[in-house]
N, C-alpha and C. Protein backbone atom coordinates (compact mmCIF):
# COMPACT_ATOMS: atom_id res chain seq x y z
N MET A 1 -9.37 -53.71 14.56
CA MET A 1 -10.76 -53.43 14.81
C MET A 1 -11.41 -53.11 13.47
N PHE A 2 -12.61 -53.62 13.29
CA PHE A 2 -13.36 -53.43 12.06
C PHE A 2 -14.67 -52.71 12.37
N ASP A 3 -15.17 -51.95 11.38
CA ASP A 3 -16.49 -51.36 11.52
C ASP A 3 -17.52 -52.30 10.90
N ALA A 4 -18.78 -51.87 10.83
CA ALA A 4 -19.85 -52.73 10.32
C ALA A 4 -19.65 -53.11 8.86
N ALA A 5 -18.91 -52.30 8.10
CA ALA A 5 -18.63 -52.59 6.68
C ALA A 5 -17.36 -53.43 6.52
N GLN A 6 -16.81 -53.89 7.63
CA GLN A 6 -15.58 -54.70 7.64
C GLN A 6 -14.37 -53.94 7.12
N ARG A 7 -14.38 -52.59 7.37
CA ARG A 7 -13.20 -51.78 7.11
C ARG A 7 -12.33 -51.82 8.35
N LEU A 8 -11.01 -51.82 8.14
CA LEU A 8 -10.03 -51.92 9.22
C LEU A 8 -9.65 -50.53 9.71
N LEU A 9 -9.57 -50.35 11.02
CA LEU A 9 -9.15 -49.08 11.61
C LEU A 9 -7.63 -48.98 11.55
N LEU A 10 -7.12 -47.92 10.91
CA LEU A 10 -5.69 -47.69 10.79
C LEU A 10 -5.32 -46.31 11.28
N VAL A 11 -4.09 -46.17 11.76
CA VAL A 11 -3.53 -44.88 12.15
C VAL A 11 -2.25 -44.65 11.35
N ARG A 12 -2.03 -43.37 11.00
CA ARG A 12 -0.77 -43.00 10.33
C ARG A 12 0.17 -42.49 11.41
N ARG A 13 1.35 -43.10 11.46
CA ARG A 13 2.32 -42.80 12.51
C ARG A 13 2.80 -41.36 12.39
N GLY A 14 2.79 -40.65 13.52
CA GLY A 14 3.27 -39.28 13.57
C GLY A 14 4.64 -39.15 14.19
N ARG A 15 5.16 -40.25 14.71
CA ARG A 15 6.49 -40.26 15.37
C ARG A 15 7.28 -41.48 14.92
N PRO A 16 8.60 -41.40 15.07
CA PRO A 16 9.44 -42.58 14.73
C PRO A 16 9.08 -43.76 15.61
N PRO A 17 9.28 -44.95 15.14
CA PRO A 17 9.83 -45.29 13.83
C PRO A 17 8.75 -45.27 12.75
N GLN A 18 9.19 -45.21 11.51
CA GLN A 18 8.32 -45.28 10.33
C GLN A 18 7.26 -44.18 10.30
N VAL A 19 7.69 -42.94 10.55
CA VAL A 19 6.78 -41.78 10.48
C VAL A 19 6.09 -41.76 9.12
N GLY A 20 4.78 -41.54 9.13
CA GLY A 20 4.00 -41.44 7.90
C GLY A 20 3.43 -42.76 7.41
N ALA A 21 3.92 -43.87 7.93
CA ALA A 21 3.39 -45.18 7.54
C ALA A 21 2.12 -45.48 8.33
N TRP A 22 1.26 -46.28 7.72
CA TRP A 22 -0.02 -46.67 8.34
C TRP A 22 0.13 -48.00 9.06
N THR A 23 -0.57 -48.12 10.19
CA THR A 23 -0.54 -49.33 10.99
C THR A 23 -1.83 -49.44 11.80
N ILE A 24 -1.96 -50.51 12.54
CA ILE A 24 -3.10 -50.64 13.44
C ILE A 24 -2.75 -49.95 14.77
N PRO A 25 -3.74 -49.49 15.52
CA PRO A 25 -3.44 -48.83 16.79
C PRO A 25 -2.69 -49.75 17.74
N GLY A 26 -1.81 -49.16 18.53
CA GLY A 26 -1.08 -49.96 19.52
C GLY A 26 0.11 -49.22 20.06
N GLY A 27 0.79 -49.86 21.00
CA GLY A 27 1.98 -49.26 21.61
C GLY A 27 2.48 -50.10 22.76
N LYS A 28 3.43 -49.55 23.48
CA LYS A 28 4.08 -50.26 24.58
C LYS A 28 3.18 -50.37 25.81
N CYS A 29 3.37 -51.46 26.53
CA CYS A 29 2.69 -51.64 27.82
C CYS A 29 3.37 -50.74 28.86
N LEU A 30 2.57 -50.16 29.72
CA LEU A 30 3.10 -49.45 30.88
C LEU A 30 3.49 -50.47 31.94
N SER A 31 4.28 -50.06 32.88
CA SER A 31 4.71 -50.95 33.95
C SER A 31 3.50 -51.56 34.66
N GLY A 32 3.44 -52.88 34.73
CA GLY A 32 2.35 -53.58 35.40
C GLY A 32 1.08 -53.72 34.58
N GLU A 33 1.08 -53.22 33.37
CA GLU A 33 -0.11 -53.25 32.51
C GLU A 33 -0.12 -54.52 31.66
N SER A 34 -1.28 -55.15 31.54
CA SER A 34 -1.40 -56.33 30.68
C SER A 34 -1.42 -55.90 29.22
N PRO A 35 -1.06 -56.79 28.30
CA PRO A 35 -1.16 -56.46 26.88
C PRO A 35 -2.58 -56.07 26.46
N GLN A 36 -3.59 -56.72 27.03
CA GLN A 36 -4.98 -56.39 26.71
C GLN A 36 -5.32 -54.97 27.16
N ASP A 37 -4.92 -54.62 28.38
CA ASP A 37 -5.19 -53.27 28.89
C ASP A 37 -4.44 -52.22 28.07
N ALA A 38 -3.22 -52.54 27.65
CA ALA A 38 -2.45 -51.62 26.80
C ALA A 38 -3.15 -51.41 25.47
N ALA A 39 -3.72 -52.46 24.89
CA ALA A 39 -4.43 -52.33 23.62
C ALA A 39 -5.62 -51.40 23.76
N VAL A 40 -6.37 -51.53 24.84
CA VAL A 40 -7.52 -50.66 25.09
C VAL A 40 -7.06 -49.21 25.29
N ARG A 41 -6.05 -49.01 26.11
CA ARG A 41 -5.55 -47.65 26.38
C ARG A 41 -4.98 -47.00 25.12
N GLU A 42 -4.13 -47.73 24.40
CA GLU A 42 -3.50 -47.17 23.20
C GLU A 42 -4.53 -46.84 22.12
N THR A 43 -5.54 -47.69 21.98
CA THR A 43 -6.59 -47.40 20.99
C THR A 43 -7.33 -46.11 21.36
N LYS A 44 -7.64 -45.93 22.62
CA LYS A 44 -8.29 -44.70 23.07
C LYS A 44 -7.40 -43.49 22.82
N GLU A 45 -6.12 -43.59 23.17
CA GLU A 45 -5.20 -42.47 22.99
C GLU A 45 -5.01 -42.10 21.52
N GLU A 46 -4.93 -43.10 20.65
CA GLU A 46 -4.61 -42.85 19.25
C GLU A 46 -5.83 -42.57 18.38
N THR A 47 -7.01 -43.09 18.76
CA THR A 47 -8.17 -42.99 17.88
C THR A 47 -9.39 -42.33 18.50
N GLY A 48 -9.39 -42.12 19.81
CA GLY A 48 -10.56 -41.56 20.48
C GLY A 48 -11.64 -42.58 20.81
N LEU A 49 -11.44 -43.83 20.41
CA LEU A 49 -12.44 -44.87 20.64
C LEU A 49 -12.16 -45.66 21.92
N HIS A 50 -13.22 -45.87 22.70
CA HIS A 50 -13.13 -46.80 23.82
C HIS A 50 -13.52 -48.17 23.27
N VAL A 51 -12.65 -49.17 23.48
CA VAL A 51 -12.89 -50.49 22.91
C VAL A 51 -12.84 -51.56 23.99
N ARG A 52 -13.29 -52.74 23.59
CA ARG A 52 -13.24 -53.93 24.44
C ARG A 52 -12.51 -55.01 23.63
N VAL A 53 -11.59 -55.72 24.30
CA VAL A 53 -10.87 -56.80 23.64
C VAL A 53 -11.82 -57.98 23.45
N VAL A 54 -11.87 -58.50 22.21
CA VAL A 54 -12.68 -59.67 21.88
C VAL A 54 -11.84 -60.93 22.00
N ARG A 55 -10.65 -60.90 21.37
CA ARG A 55 -9.76 -62.07 21.44
C ARG A 55 -8.36 -61.71 20.98
N HIS A 56 -7.42 -62.55 21.35
CA HIS A 56 -6.04 -62.43 20.89
C HIS A 56 -5.99 -62.92 19.45
N VAL A 57 -5.31 -62.15 18.58
CA VAL A 57 -5.22 -62.49 17.17
C VAL A 57 -3.89 -63.13 16.83
N GLY A 58 -2.81 -62.61 17.40
CA GLY A 58 -1.49 -63.16 17.08
C GLY A 58 -0.38 -62.40 17.78
N ARG A 59 0.82 -62.92 17.57
CA ARG A 59 2.02 -62.34 18.18
C ARG A 59 3.12 -62.29 17.13
N VAL A 60 3.84 -61.17 17.11
CA VAL A 60 5.01 -61.04 16.24
C VAL A 60 6.17 -60.51 17.07
N ARG A 61 7.36 -60.79 16.56
CA ARG A 61 8.59 -60.25 17.14
C ARG A 61 9.24 -59.34 16.10
N ARG A 62 9.61 -58.12 16.53
CA ARG A 62 10.26 -57.16 15.64
C ARG A 62 11.56 -56.71 16.28
N GLU A 63 12.61 -56.71 15.48
CA GLU A 63 13.90 -56.25 15.97
C GLU A 63 13.87 -54.74 16.17
N VAL A 64 14.45 -54.29 17.28
CA VAL A 64 14.52 -52.88 17.63
C VAL A 64 15.87 -52.35 17.13
N PRO A 65 15.87 -51.23 16.40
CA PRO A 65 17.17 -50.67 15.99
C PRO A 65 18.02 -50.34 17.21
N THR A 66 19.28 -50.75 17.17
CA THR A 66 20.22 -50.50 18.26
C THR A 66 21.49 -49.89 17.68
N PRO A 67 22.26 -49.19 18.49
CA PRO A 67 23.52 -48.62 18.00
C PRO A 67 24.45 -49.72 17.48
N ALA A 68 25.29 -49.36 16.51
CA ALA A 68 26.25 -50.33 15.94
C ALA A 68 27.09 -50.93 17.06
N GLY A 69 27.26 -52.24 17.00
CA GLY A 69 28.05 -52.95 18.00
C GLY A 69 27.26 -53.37 19.22
N SER A 70 26.01 -52.91 19.34
CA SER A 70 25.17 -53.29 20.47
C SER A 70 24.49 -54.62 20.18
N GLU A 71 24.14 -55.30 21.24
CA GLU A 71 23.39 -56.55 21.10
C GLU A 71 21.99 -56.25 20.58
N SER A 72 21.46 -57.13 19.76
CA SER A 72 20.11 -56.96 19.22
C SER A 72 19.07 -56.96 20.33
N ALA A 73 18.03 -56.17 20.12
CA ALA A 73 16.89 -56.14 21.04
C ALA A 73 15.63 -56.39 20.23
N TRP A 74 14.59 -56.89 20.91
CA TRP A 74 13.37 -57.26 20.20
C TRP A 74 12.15 -56.75 20.95
N PHE A 75 11.12 -56.35 20.18
CA PHE A 75 9.80 -56.10 20.73
C PHE A 75 8.97 -57.35 20.50
N VAL A 76 8.20 -57.75 21.48
CA VAL A 76 7.19 -58.79 21.31
C VAL A 76 5.85 -58.06 21.26
N ILE A 77 5.14 -58.23 20.14
CA ILE A 77 3.91 -57.48 19.92
C ILE A 77 2.73 -58.44 19.89
N ASP A 78 1.80 -58.25 20.82
CA ASP A 78 0.56 -59.02 20.84
C ASP A 78 -0.53 -58.16 20.22
N ASP A 79 -1.27 -58.73 19.29
CA ASP A 79 -2.36 -58.02 18.64
C ASP A 79 -3.69 -58.66 19.02
N PHE A 80 -4.70 -57.78 19.20
CA PHE A 80 -6.01 -58.21 19.66
C PHE A 80 -7.09 -57.67 18.73
N LEU A 81 -8.11 -58.46 18.52
CA LEU A 81 -9.32 -58.00 17.85
C LEU A 81 -10.16 -57.30 18.92
N CYS A 82 -10.56 -56.07 18.63
CA CYS A 82 -11.35 -55.30 19.59
C CYS A 82 -12.66 -54.88 18.94
N GLU A 83 -13.62 -54.54 19.77
CA GLU A 83 -14.88 -53.97 19.29
C GLU A 83 -15.10 -52.63 19.96
N ARG A 84 -15.75 -51.74 19.23
CA ARG A 84 -16.02 -50.39 19.72
C ARG A 84 -17.09 -50.43 20.81
N VAL A 85 -16.83 -49.69 21.88
CA VAL A 85 -17.80 -49.51 22.95
C VAL A 85 -18.43 -48.13 22.83
N SER A 86 -17.59 -47.11 22.61
CA SER A 86 -18.08 -45.74 22.49
C SER A 86 -16.98 -44.86 21.91
N GLY A 87 -17.34 -43.61 21.66
CA GLY A 87 -16.37 -42.63 21.19
C GLY A 87 -16.48 -42.35 19.70
N GLN A 88 -15.80 -41.28 19.30
CA GLN A 88 -15.75 -40.86 17.90
C GLN A 88 -14.31 -40.96 17.42
N VAL A 89 -14.12 -41.35 16.17
CA VAL A 89 -12.79 -41.49 15.60
C VAL A 89 -12.15 -40.12 15.43
N VAL A 90 -11.01 -39.93 16.11
CA VAL A 90 -10.24 -38.70 16.01
C VAL A 90 -8.77 -39.04 16.30
N ALA A 91 -7.87 -38.52 15.48
CA ALA A 91 -6.44 -38.79 15.69
C ALA A 91 -5.97 -38.12 16.97
N GLY A 92 -5.19 -38.86 17.75
CA GLY A 92 -4.65 -38.33 18.99
C GLY A 92 -3.30 -38.94 19.29
N ASP A 93 -2.67 -38.49 20.36
CA ASP A 93 -1.38 -39.00 20.83
C ASP A 93 -0.36 -38.93 19.70
N ASP A 94 0.24 -40.05 19.32
CA ASP A 94 1.26 -40.03 18.27
C ASP A 94 0.70 -40.39 16.90
N ALA A 95 -0.62 -40.42 16.74
CA ALA A 95 -1.24 -40.69 15.44
C ALA A 95 -1.44 -39.37 14.69
N ALA A 96 -0.90 -39.29 13.47
CA ALA A 96 -1.08 -38.10 12.65
C ALA A 96 -2.45 -38.08 11.98
N GLU A 97 -3.00 -39.27 11.77
CA GLU A 97 -4.29 -39.40 11.09
C GLU A 97 -4.86 -40.76 11.45
N VAL A 98 -6.18 -40.89 11.39
CA VAL A 98 -6.85 -42.16 11.64
C VAL A 98 -7.98 -42.32 10.64
N ARG A 99 -8.20 -43.55 10.16
CA ARG A 99 -9.29 -43.78 9.20
C ARG A 99 -9.67 -45.26 9.16
N TRP A 100 -10.90 -45.48 8.69
CA TRP A 100 -11.39 -46.83 8.40
C TRP A 100 -11.01 -47.12 6.94
N CYS A 101 -10.44 -48.29 6.66
CA CYS A 101 -9.97 -48.61 5.31
C CYS A 101 -10.56 -49.92 4.80
N ALA A 102 -11.16 -49.83 3.60
CA ALA A 102 -11.55 -51.04 2.87
C ALA A 102 -10.31 -51.58 2.17
N ARG A 103 -10.41 -52.78 1.64
CA ARG A 103 -9.25 -53.45 1.06
C ARG A 103 -8.56 -52.66 -0.05
N PRO A 104 -9.27 -52.08 -1.03
CA PRO A 104 -8.56 -51.35 -2.08
C PRO A 104 -7.68 -50.20 -1.53
N GLU A 105 -8.22 -49.45 -0.58
CA GLU A 105 -7.44 -48.37 0.01
C GLU A 105 -6.28 -48.92 0.84
N PHE A 106 -6.54 -49.96 1.63
CA PHE A 106 -5.50 -50.59 2.43
C PHE A 106 -4.32 -51.00 1.55
N ASP A 107 -4.62 -51.61 0.40
CA ASP A 107 -3.57 -52.09 -0.49
C ASP A 107 -2.76 -50.96 -1.12
N SER A 108 -3.31 -49.73 -1.12
CA SER A 108 -2.61 -48.61 -1.75
C SER A 108 -1.82 -47.74 -0.76
N LEU A 109 -2.00 -47.96 0.53
CA LEU A 109 -1.35 -47.12 1.54
C LEU A 109 0.08 -47.56 1.81
N PRO A 110 0.95 -46.61 2.20
CA PRO A 110 2.28 -47.00 2.68
C PRO A 110 2.14 -47.55 4.10
N LEU A 111 2.29 -48.84 4.25
CA LEU A 111 2.08 -49.53 5.53
C LEU A 111 3.40 -49.77 6.24
N VAL A 112 3.35 -49.93 7.56
CA VAL A 112 4.55 -50.33 8.29
C VAL A 112 4.99 -51.71 7.78
N GLU A 113 6.25 -51.98 7.94
CA GLU A 113 6.83 -53.22 7.44
C GLU A 113 6.06 -54.44 7.95
N GLN A 114 5.74 -55.33 7.05
CA GLN A 114 5.15 -56.64 7.30
C GLN A 114 3.71 -56.62 7.80
N LEU A 115 3.07 -55.45 7.84
CA LEU A 115 1.69 -55.41 8.33
C LEU A 115 0.75 -56.20 7.42
N SER A 116 0.81 -55.97 6.13
CA SER A 116 -0.09 -56.65 5.21
C SER A 116 0.08 -58.16 5.28
N GLU A 117 1.32 -58.61 5.26
CA GLU A 117 1.59 -60.05 5.29
C GLU A 117 1.11 -60.68 6.60
N THR A 118 1.35 -59.99 7.69
CA THR A 118 0.95 -60.51 9.00
C THR A 118 -0.57 -60.59 9.11
N LEU A 119 -1.27 -59.54 8.71
CA LEU A 119 -2.73 -59.56 8.78
C LEU A 119 -3.31 -60.60 7.84
N ARG A 120 -2.69 -60.79 6.68
CA ARG A 120 -3.15 -61.84 5.75
C ARG A 120 -3.00 -63.22 6.41
N ASP A 121 -1.85 -63.46 7.03
CA ASP A 121 -1.62 -64.76 7.68
C ASP A 121 -2.62 -65.01 8.81
N TRP A 122 -3.06 -63.94 9.46
CA TRP A 122 -4.02 -64.06 10.56
C TRP A 122 -5.47 -63.98 10.09
N HIS A 123 -5.71 -63.85 8.79
CA HIS A 123 -7.06 -63.70 8.22
C HIS A 123 -7.77 -62.48 8.81
N MET A 124 -7.02 -61.37 8.86
CA MET A 124 -7.54 -60.14 9.46
C MET A 124 -7.46 -58.95 8.50
N LEU A 125 -7.47 -59.19 7.20
CA LEU A 125 -7.46 -58.10 6.23
C LEU A 125 -8.87 -57.53 6.08
N PRO A 126 -8.96 -56.23 5.72
CA PRO A 126 -10.28 -55.64 5.52
C PRO A 126 -10.98 -56.22 4.30
N SER A 127 -12.28 -56.05 4.24
CA SER A 127 -13.08 -56.52 3.09
C SER A 127 -12.98 -55.52 1.95
N ASP A 128 -13.36 -56.03 0.75
CA ASP A 128 -13.42 -55.15 -0.43
C ASP A 128 -14.60 -54.26 -0.25
C-alpha cells in the first residue's frame, strides 16, 4: 500500500520469524478466509488502517523452517495492492513499528529476506 507521496507502508516484525526486520503487512489466512480478506484483516490488525484490495500483485513461495529430518514445508504468499479506506497508522498485533517509507529509507532498512527483489520484480518499490 502506498500513500499519496508513493511511500510504501511497512511494518517491523515483533515476533518470529525475522524479528526486527521490516516487511509489508500480512499474515496467515484463517480457516475459510480468502487471501483478499486476510490481507484486509491483517493490515487492520498490524497498522490500524482499514483498506480495500485493488488488485493482486504477485505470489511467492517461501520454505518454512522444519525440524531436522522433517519433510520441507512451504508457505504460499499472495500479495495485494490495497488502498486506504479509513483509520490512523498505529502499530498493532505482532508489528513492533509501522511507517511510510520513501525509497532512500526503504533501501537502508533491514528487510525480510527477498522483499526488495520481489517488490522490484513486481514494479512495487516506493518512489524517491
